């Protein structure tokens, strides 16, 4: 595995543990606000993992595309991704 994705992998493994925790909270019928807070923490972890992957993409794939003159395809990829974010 490439070192550039280790941060994202670590965050995702933490998120997996949090998902199990939230499932237990729901099964135990814990207080809704407490469950919601855990879900928000989980969402934050997932966003950080995505940010890490995107930064890695910009630092490697996009830079390589600029160097080789093949930037148009990378721009289209980023535009498509932005549609998900907006």
PDB file of N, CA and C in Angstrom:
ATOM      1  N   UNK A   1       0.849  -1.192   0.000  1.00  0.00           N
ATOM      2  CA  UNK A   1       0.000   0.000   0.000  1.00  0.00           C
ATOM      3  C   UNK A   1       0.885   1.242   0.000  1.00  0.00           C
ATOM      4  N   UNK A   2       0.425   2.216  -0.716  1.00  0.00           N
ATOM      5  CA  UNK A   2       1.178   3.457  -0.793  1.00  0.00           C
ATOM      6  C   UNK A   2       1.080   4.222   0.520  1.00  0.00           C
ATOM      7  N   UNK A   3       2.207   4.774   0.908  1.00  0.00           N
ATOM      8  CA  UNK A   3       2.276   5.524   2.164  1.00  0.00           C
ATOM      9  C   UNK A   3       1.319   6.709   2.173  1.00  0.00           C
ATOM     10  N   UNK A   4       1.037   7.268   0.998  1.00  0.00           N
ATOM     11  CA  UNK A   4       0.209   8.474   0.929  1.00  0.00           C
ATOM     12  C   UNK A   4      -1.213   8.255   1.430  1.00  0.00           C
ATOM     13  N   UNK A   5      -1.650   7.010   1.482  1.00  0.00           N
ATOM     14  CA  UNK A   5      -3.022   6.735   1.917  1.00  0.00           C
ATOM     15  C   UNK A   5      -3.100   6.215   3.351  1.00  0.00           C
ATOM     16  N   UNK A   6      -1.998   6.174   4.047  1.00  0.00           N
ATOM     17  CA  UNK A   6      -1.993   5.626   5.408  1.00  0.00           C
ATOM     18  C   UNK A   6      -2.867   6.453   6.356  1.00  0.00           C
ATOM     19  N   UNK A   7      -2.823   7.763   6.222  1.00  0.00           N
ATOM     20  CA  UNK A   7      -3.641   8.620   7.092  1.00  0.00           C
ATOM     21  C   UNK A   7      -5.125   8.329   6.880  1.00  0.00           C
ATOM     22  N   UNK A   8      -5.546   8.256   5.631  1.00  0.00           N
ATOM     23  CA  UNK A   8      -6.952   7.976   5.325  1.00  0.00           C
ATOM     24  C   UNK A   8      -7.344   6.605   5.844  1.00  0.00           C
ATOM     25  N   UNK A   9      -6.463   5.627   5.678  1.00  0.00           N
ATOM     26  CA  UNK A   9      -6.756   4.281   6.159  1.00  0.00           C
ATOM     27  C   UNK A   9      -6.935   4.260   7.669  1.00  0.00           C
ATOM     28  N   UNK A  10      -6.072   4.950   8.371  1.00  0.00           N
ATOM     29  CA  UNK A  10      -6.189   5.022   9.825  1.00  0.00           C
ATOM     30  C   UNK A  10      -7.507   5.671  10.249  1.00  0.00           C
ATOM     31  N   UNK A  11      -7.869   6.757   9.583  1.00  0.00           N
ATOM     32  CA  UNK A  11      -9.126   7.430   9.894  1.00  0.00           C
ATOM     33  C   UNK A  11     -10.320   6.520   9.624  1.00  0.00           C
ATOM     34  N   UNK A  12     -10.270   5.786   8.531  1.00  0.00           N
ATOM     35  CA  UNK A  12     -11.380   4.895   8.181  1.00  0.00           C
ATOM     36  C   UNK A  12     -11.499   3.730   9.160  1.00  0.00           C
ATOM     37  N   UNK A  13     -10.378   3.234   9.650  1.00  0.00           N
ATOM     38  CA  UNK A  13     -10.434   2.163  10.652  1.00  0.00           C
ATOM     39  C   UNK A  13     -11.031   2.683  11.953  1.00  0.00           C
ATOM     40  N   UNK A  14     -10.694   3.917  12.307  1.00  0.00           N
ATOM     41  CA  UNK A  14     -11.297   4.535  13.484  1.00  0.00           C
ATOM     42  C   UNK A  14     -12.800   4.705  13.270  1.00  0.00           C
ATOM     43  N   UNK A  15     -13.185   5.143  12.075  1.00  0.00           N
ATOM     44  CA  UNK A  15     -14.603   5.322  11.754  1.00  0.00           C
ATOM     45  C   UNK A  15     -15.350   3.999  11.837  1.00  0.00           C
ATOM     46  N   UNK A  16     -14.717   2.928  11.382  1.00  0.00           N
ATOM     47  CA  UNK A  16     -15.355   1.616  11.457  1.00  0.00           C
ATOM     48  C   UNK A  16     -15.665   1.263  12.913  1.00  0.00           C
ATOM     49  N   UNK A  17     -14.740   1.546  13.799  1.00  0.00           N
ATOM     50  CA  UNK A  17     -14.982   1.304  15.219  1.00  0.00           C
ATOM     51  C   UNK A  17     -16.110   2.175  15.756  1.00  0.00           C
ATOM     52  N   UNK A  18     -16.156   3.405  15.297  1.00  0.00           N
ATOM     53  CA  UNK A  18     -17.221   4.305  15.741  1.00  0.00           C
ATOM     54  C   UNK A  18     -18.582   3.842  15.227  1.00  0.00           C
ATOM     55  N   UNK A  19     -18.625   3.312  14.023  1.00  0.00           N
ATOM     56  CA  UNK A  19     -19.889   2.792  13.507  1.00  0.00           C
ATOM     57  C   UNK A  19     -20.404   1.676  14.407  1.00  0.00           C
ATOM     58  N   UNK A  20     -19.522   0.778  14.794  1.00  0.00           N
ATOM     59  CA  UNK A  20     -19.924  -0.294  15.703  1.00  0.00           C
ATOM     60  C   UNK A  20     -20.449   0.275  17.020  1.00  0.00           C
ATOM     61  N   UNK A  21     -19.796   1.325  17.493  1.00  0.00           N
ATOM     62  CA  UNK A  21     -20.241   1.960  18.725  1.00  0.00           C
ATOM     63  C   UNK A  21     -21.614   2.594  18.595  1.00  0.00           C
ATOM     64  N   UNK A  22     -21.858   3.259  17.487  1.00  0.00           N
ATOM     65  CA  UNK A  22     -23.163   3.888  17.254  1.00  0.00           C
ATOM     66  C   UNK A  22     -24.249   2.825  17.132  1.00  0.00           C
ATOM     67  N   UNK A  23     -23.934   1.741  16.455  1.00  0.00           N
ATOM     68  CA  UNK A  23     -24.910   0.642  16.343  1.00  0.00           C
ATOM     69  C   UNK A  23     -25.277   0.129  17.731  1.00  0.00           C
ATOM     70  N   UNK A  24     -24.276  -0.055  18.583  1.00  0.00           N
ATOM     71  CA  UNK A  24     -24.556  -0.513  19.954  1.00  0.00           C
ATOM     72  C   UNK A  24     -25.417   0.499  20.703  1.00  0.00           C
ATOM     73  N   UNK A  25     -25.103   1.776  20.522  1.00  0.00           N
ATOM     74  CA  UNK A  25     -25.888   2.814  21.189  1.00  0.00           C
ATOM     75  C   UNK A  25     -27.353   2.736  20.777  1.00  0.00           C
ATOM     76  N   UNK A  26     -27.594   2.542  19.493  1.00  0.00           N
ATOM     77  CA  UNK A  26     -28.972   2.453  19.004  1.00  0.00           C
ATOM     78  C   UNK A  26     -29.650   1.208  19.554  1.00  0.00           C
ATOM     79  N   UNK A  27     -28.927   0.087  19.524  1.00  0.00           N
ATOM     80  CA  UNK A  27     -29.486  -1.157  20.047  1.00  0.00           C
ATOM     81  C   UNK A  27     -29.812  -1.053  21.538  1.00  0.00           C
ATOM     82  N   UNK A  28     -29.005  -0.287  22.253  1.00  0.00           N
ATOM     83  CA  UNK A  28     -29.223  -0.093  23.693  1.00  0.00           C
ATOM     84  C   UNK A  28     -30.215   1.031  23.979  1.00  0.00           C
ATOM     85  N   UNK A  29     -30.758   1.629  22.926  1.00  0.00           N
ATOM     86  CA  UNK A  29     -31.723   2.717  23.039  1.00  0.00           C
ATOM     87  C   UNK A  29     -31.197   3.876  23.871  1.00  0.00           C
ATOM     88  N   UNK A  30     -29.955   4.261  23.568  1.00  0.00           N
ATOM     89  CA  UNK A  30     -29.338   5.375  24.269  1.00  0.00           C
ATOM     90  C   UNK A  30     -29.985   6.693  23.857  1.00  0.00           C
ATOM     91  N   UNK A  31     -29.685   7.715  24.582  1.00  0.00           N
ATOM     92  CA  UNK A  31     -30.245   9.043  24.367  1.00  0.00           C
ATOM     93  C   UNK A  31     -29.917   9.534  22.951  1.00  0.00           C
ATOM     94  N   UNK A  32     -30.938  10.027  22.247  1.00  0.00           N
ATOM     95  CA  UNK A  32     -30.810  10.420  20.842  1.00  0.00           C
ATOM     96  C   UNK A  32     -29.706  11.457  20.608  1.00  0.00           C
ATOM     97  N   UNK A  33     -29.598  12.421  21.490  1.00  0.00           N
ATOM     98  CA  UNK A  33     -28.588  13.465  21.322  1.00  0.00           C
ATOM     99  C   UNK A  33     -27.188  12.872  21.412  1.00  0.00           C
ATOM    100  N   UNK A  34     -26.992  11.919  22.297  1.00  0.00           N
ATOM    101  CA  UNK A  34     -25.689  11.255  22.406  1.00  0.00           C
ATOM    102  C   UNK A  34     -25.367  10.486  21.125  1.00  0.00           C
ATOM    103  N   UNK A  35     -26.355   9.817  20.573  1.00  0.00           N
ATOM    104  CA  UNK A  35     -26.168   9.100  19.306  1.00  0.00           C
ATOM    105  C   UNK A  35     -25.832  10.090  18.200  1.00  0.00           C
ATOM    106  N   UNK A  36     -26.565  11.176  18.147  1.00  0.00           N
ATOM    107  CA  UNK A  36     -26.336  12.187  17.123  1.00  0.00           C
ATOM    108  C   UNK A  36     -24.924  12.763  17.219  1.00  0.00           C
ATOM    109  N   UNK A  37     -24.450  13.025  18.408  1.00  0.00           N
ATOM    110  CA  UNK A  37     -23.087  13.539  18.586  1.00  0.00           C
ATOM    111  C   UNK A  37     -22.055  12.549  18.050  1.00  0.00           C
ATOM    112  N   UNK A  38     -22.271  11.288  18.287  1.00  0.00           N
ATOM    113  CA  UNK A  38     -21.349  10.267  17.776  1.00  0.00           C
ATOM    114  C   UNK A  38     -21.417  10.193  16.253  1.00  0.00           C
ATOM    115  N   UNK A  39     -22.607  10.327  15.700  1.00  0.00           N
ATOM    116  CA  UNK A  39     -22.745  10.333  14.248  1.00  0.00           C
ATOM    117  C   UNK A  39     -22.028  11.538  13.631  1.00  0.00           C
ATOM    118  N   UNK A  40     -22.123  12.689  14.269  1.00  0.00           N
ATOM    119  CA  UNK A  40     -21.431  13.877  13.774  1.00  0.00           C
ATOM    120  C   UNK A  40     -19.917  13.699  13.838  1.00  0.00           C
ATOM    121  N   UNK A  41     -19.433  13.048  14.896  1.00  0.00           N
ATOM    122  CA  UNK A  41     -18.004  12.757  14.991  1.00  0.00           C
ATOM    123  C   UNK A  41     -17.578  11.807  13.874  1.00  0.00           C
ATOM    124  N   UNK A  42     -18.410  10.846  13.579  1.00  0.00           N
ATOM    125  CA  UNK A  42     -18.146   9.893  12.505  1.00  0.00           C
ATOM    126  C   UNK A  42     -18.104  10.603  11.154  1.00  0.00           C
ATOM    127  N   UNK A  43     -19.048  11.476  10.912  1.00  0.00           N
ATOM    128  CA  UNK A  43     -19.074  12.243   9.664  1.00  0.00           C
ATOM    129  C   UNK A  43     -17.800  13.064   9.528  1.00  0.00           C
ATOM    130  N   UNK A  44     -17.360  13.656  10.622  1.00  0.00           N
ATOM    131  CA  UNK A  44     -16.125  14.438  10.614  1.00  0.00           C
ATOM    132  C   UNK A  44     -14.923  13.569  10.230  1.00  0.00           C
ATOM    133  N   UNK A  45     -14.859  12.369  10.776  1.00  0.00           N
ATOM    134  CA  UNK A  45     -13.772  11.447  10.425  1.00  0.00           C
ATOM    135  C   UNK A  45     -13.794  11.098   8.941  1.00  0.00           C
ATOM    136  N   UNK A  46     -14.967  10.828   8.421  1.00  0.00           N
ATOM    137  CA  UNK A  46     -15.089  10.484   7.004  1.00  0.00           C
ATOM    138  C   UNK A  46     -14.672  11.658   6.120  1.00  0.00           C
ATOM    139  N   UNK A  47     -15.023  12.857   6.514  1.00  0.00           N
ATOM    140  CA  UNK A  47     -14.618  14.043   5.751  1.00  0.00           C
ATOM    141  C   UNK A  47     -13.101  14.204   5.769  1.00  0.00           C
ATOM    142  N   UNK A  48     -12.494  13.965   6.925  1.00  0.00           N
ATOM    143  CA  UNK A  48     -11.035  14.055   7.025  1.00  0.00           C
ATOM    144  C   UNK A  48     -10.360  12.997   6.163  1.00  0.00           C
ATOM    145  N   UNK A  49     -10.918  11.795   6.129  1.00  0.00           N
ATOM    146  CA  UNK A  49     -10.357  10.736   5.293  1.00  0.00           C
ATOM    147  C   UNK A  49     -10.451  11.137   3.823  1.00  0.00           C
ATOM    148  N   UNK A  50     -11.584  11.677   3.425  1.00  0.00           N
ATOM    149  CA  UNK A  50     -11.760  12.126   2.050  1.00  0.00           C
ATOM    150  C   UNK A  50     -10.793  13.257   1.719  1.00  0.00           C
ATOM    151  N   UNK A  51     -10.642  14.181   2.636  1.00  0.00           N
ATOM    152  CA  UNK A  51      -9.706  15.294   2.434  1.00  0.00           C
ATOM    153  C   UNK A  51      -8.292  14.766   2.223  1.00  0.00           C
ATOM    154  N   UNK A  52      -7.911  13.780   3.002  1.00  0.00           N
ATOM    155  CA  UNK A  52      -6.585  13.196   2.875  1.00  0.00           C
ATOM    156  C   UNK A  52      -6.384  12.557   1.505  1.00  0.00           C
ATOM    157  N   UNK A  53      -7.376  11.827   1.042  1.00  0.00           N
ATOM    158  CA  UNK A  53      -7.295  11.193  -0.275  1.00  0.00           C
ATOM    159  C   UNK A  53      -7.213  12.251  -1.375  1.00  0.00           C
ATOM    160  N   UNK A  54      -8.034  13.294  -1.260  1.00  0.00           N
ATOM    161  CA  UNK A  54      -8.025  14.342  -2.286  1.00  0.00           C
ATOM    162  C   UNK A  54      -6.709  15.121  -2.301  1.00  0.00           C
ATOM    163  N   UNK A  55      -6.153  15.406  -1.136  1.00  0.00           N
ATOM    164  CA  UNK A  55      -4.857  16.090  -1.077  1.00  0.00           C
ATOM    165  C   UNK A  55      -3.786  15.237  -1.736  1.00  0.00           C
ATOM    166  N   UNK A  56      -3.819  13.961  -1.457  1.00  0.00           N
ATOM    167  CA  UNK A  56      -2.862  13.046  -2.070  1.00  0.00           C
ATOM    168  C   UNK A  56      -3.010  13.052  -3.583  1.00  0.00           C
ATOM    169  N   UNK A  57      -4.238  13.063  -4.048  1.00  0.00           N
ATOM    170  CA  UNK A  57      -4.503  13.097  -5.487  1.00  0.00           C
ATOM    171  C   UNK A  57      -3.928  14.374  -6.104  1.00  0.00           C
ATOM    172  N   UNK A  58      -4.148  15.488  -5.444  1.00  0.00           N
ATOM    173  CA  UNK A  58      -3.641  16.762  -5.957  1.00  0.00           C
ATOM    174  C   UNK A  58      -2.111  16.776  -5.974  1.00  0.00           C
ATOM    175  N   UNK A  59      -1.496  16.225  -4.934  1.00  0.00           N
ATOM    176  CA  UNK A  59      -0.041  16.257  -4.816  1.00  0.00           C
ATOM    177  C   UNK A  59       0.655  15.284  -5.761  1.00  0.00           C
ATOM    178  N   UNK A  60      -0.058  14.262  -6.212  1.00  0.00           N
ATOM    179  CA  UNK A  60       0.579  13.260  -7.070  1.00  0.00           C
ATOM    180  C   UNK A  60      -0.016  13.268  -8.468  1.00  0.00           C
ATOM    181  N   UNK A  61      -1.224  12.802  -8.604  1.00  0.00           N
ATOM    182  CA  UNK A  61      -1.844  12.619  -9.924  1.00  0.00           C
ATOM    183  C   UNK A  61      -2.010  13.930 -10.682  1.00  0.00           C
ATOM    184  N   UNK A  62      -2.473  14.957 -10.007  1.00  0.00           N
ATOM    185  CA  UNK A  62      -2.701  16.233 -10.690  1.00  0.00           C
ATOM    186  C   UNK A  62      -1.363  16.867 -11.078  1.00  0.00           C
ATOM    187  N   UNK A  63      -0.380  16.834 -10.174  1.00  0.00           N
ATOM    188  CA  UNK A  63       0.935  17.379 -10.512  1.00  0.00           C
ATOM    189  C   UNK A  63       1.537  16.638 -11.701  1.00  0.00           C
ATOM    190  N   UNK A  64       1.382  15.328 -11.717  1.00  0.00           N
ATOM    191  CA  UNK A  64       1.897  14.532 -12.833  1.00  0.00           C
ATOM    192  C   UNK A  64       1.198  14.924 -14.139  1.00  0.00           C
ATOM    193  N   UNK A  65      -0.113  15.135 -14.069  1.00  0.00           N
ATOM    194  CA  UNK A  65      -0.865  15.526 -15.263  1.00  0.00           C
ATOM    195  C   UNK A  65      -0.407  16.883 -15.773  1.00  0.00           C
ATOM    196  N   UNK A  66      -0.099  17.803 -14.873  1.00  0.00           N
ATOM    197  CA  UNK A  66       0.412  19.114 -15.285  1.00  0.00           C
ATOM    198  C   UNK A  66       1.761  18.948 -15.973  1.00  0.00           C
ATOM    199  N   UNK A  67       2.616  18.117 -15.393  1.00  0.00           N
ATOM    200  CA  UNK A  67       3.949  17.905 -15.965  1.00  0.00           C
ATOM    201  C   UNK A  67       3.894  17.268 -17.348  1.00  0.00           C
ATOM    202  N   UNK A  68       2.921  16.393 -17.566  1.00  0.00           N
ATOM    203  CA  UNK A  68       2.822  15.695 -18.850  1.00  0.00           C
ATOM    204  C   UNK A  68       1.915  16.418 -19.842  1.00  0.00           C
ATOM    205  N   UNK A  69       1.248  17.479 -19.391  1.00  0.00           N
ATOM    206  CA  UNK A  69       0.363  18.229 -20.270  1.00  0.00           C
ATOM    207  C   UNK A  69      -1.013  17.610 -20.435  1.00  0.00           C
ATOM    208  N   UNK A  70      -1.355  16.660 -19.586  1.00  0.00           N
ATOM    209  CA  UNK A  70      -2.651  15.963 -19.682  1.00  0.00           C
ATOM    210  C   UNK A  70      -3.589  16.416 -18.559  1.00  0.00           C
ATOM    211  N   UNK A  71      -3.713  17.700 -18.402  1.00  0.00           N
ATOM    212  CA  UNK A  71      -4.458  18.256 -17.274  1.00  0.00           C
ATOM    213  C   UNK A  71      -5.965  18.245 -17.485  1.00  0.00           C
ATOM    214  N   UNK A  72      -6.427  18.252 -18.728  1.00  0.00           N
ATOM    215  CA  UNK A  72      -7.860  18.344 -18.998  1.00  0.00           C
ATOM    216  C   UNK A  72      -8.659  17.221 -18.342  1.00  0.00           C
ATOM    217  N   UNK A  73      -8.165  15.994 -18.393  1.00  0.00           N
ATOM    218  CA  UNK A  73      -8.872  14.860 -17.788  1.00  0.00           C
ATOM    219  C   UNK A  73      -8.965  15.036 -16.274  1.00  0.00           C
ATOM    220  N   UNK A  74      -7.899  15.532 -15.671  1.00  0.00           N
ATOM    221  CA  UNK A  74      -7.909  15.734 -14.213  1.00  0.00           C
ATOM    222  C   UNK A  74      -8.871  16.851 -13.831  1.00  0.00           C
ATOM    223  N   UNK A  75      -8.955  17.872 -14.630  1.00  0.00           N
ATOM    224  CA  UNK A  75      -9.899  18.963 -14.366  1.00  0.00           C
ATOM    225  C   UNK A  75     -11.328  18.428 -14.418  1.00  0.00           C
ATOM    226  N   UNK A  76     -11.622  17.594 -15.410  1.00  0.00           N
ATOM    227  CA  UNK A  76     -12.972  17.002 -15.510  1.00  0.00           C
ATOM    228  C   UNK A  76     -13.282  16.141 -14.286  1.00  0.00           C
ATOM    229  N   UNK A  77     -12.311  15.372 -13.841  1.00  0.00           N
ATOM    230  CA  UNK A  77     -12.518  14.548 -12.639  1.00  0.00           C
ATOM    231  C   UNK A  77     -12.855  15.410 -11.432  1.00  0.00           C
ATOM    232  N   UNK A  78     -12.125  16.471 -11.258  1.00  0.00           N
ATOM    233  CA  UNK A  78     -12.353  17.366 -10.113  1.00  0.00           C
ATOM    234  C   UNK A  78     -13.701  18.065 -10.241  1.00  0.00           C
ATOM    235  N   UNK A  79     -14.074  18.455 -11.450  1.00  0.00           N
ATOM    236  CA  UNK A  79     -15.385  19.068 -11.661  1.00  0.00           C
ATOM    237  C   UNK A  79     -16.507  18.096 -11.305  1.00  0.00           C
ATOM    238  N   UNK A  80     -16.366  16.840 -11.700  1.00  0.00           N
ATOM    239  CA  UNK A  80     -17.374  15.831 -11.348  1.00  0.00           C
ATOM    240  C   UNK A  80     -17.456  15.641  -9.840  1.00  0.00           C
ATOM    241  N   UNK A  81     -16.325  15.628  -9.198  1.00  0.00           N
ATOM    242  CA  UNK A  81     -16.299  15.473  -7.752  1.00  0.00           C
ATOM    243  C   UNK A  81     -16.967  16.658  -7.055  1.00  0.00           C
ATOM    244  N   UNK A  82     -16.728  17.841  -7.567  1.00  0.00           N
ATOM    245  CA  UNK A  82     -17.340  19.031  -6.977  1.00  0.00           C
ATOM    246  C   UNK A  82     -18.864  18.978  -7.040  1.00  0.00           C
ATOM    247  N   UNK A  83     -19.403  18.321  -8.065  1.00  0.00           N
ATOM    248  CA  UNK A  83     -20.851  18.187  -8.147  1.00  0.00           C
ATOM    249  C   UNK A  83     -21.402  17.415  -6.939  1.00  0.00           C
ATOM    250  N   UNK A  84     -20.647  16.441  -6.431  1.00  0.00           N
ATOM    251  CA  UNK A  84     -21.064  15.705  -5.241  1.00  0.00           C
ATOM    252  C   UNK A  84     -21.011  16.585  -3.987  1.00  0.00           C
ATOM    253  N   UNK A  85     -20.050  17.496  -3.969  1.00  0.00           N
ATOM    254  CA  UNK A  85     -19.835  18.303  -2.775  1.00  0.00           C
ATOM    255  C   UNK A  85     -20.806  19.473  -2.670  1.00  0.00           C
ATOM    256  N   UNK A  86     -21.314  19.924  -3.802  1.00  0.00           N
ATOM    257  CA  UNK A  86     -22.154  21.123  -3.809  1.00  0.00           C
ATOM    258  C   UNK A  86     -23.615  20.749  -3.634  1.00  0.00           C
TER     259      UNK A  86
END
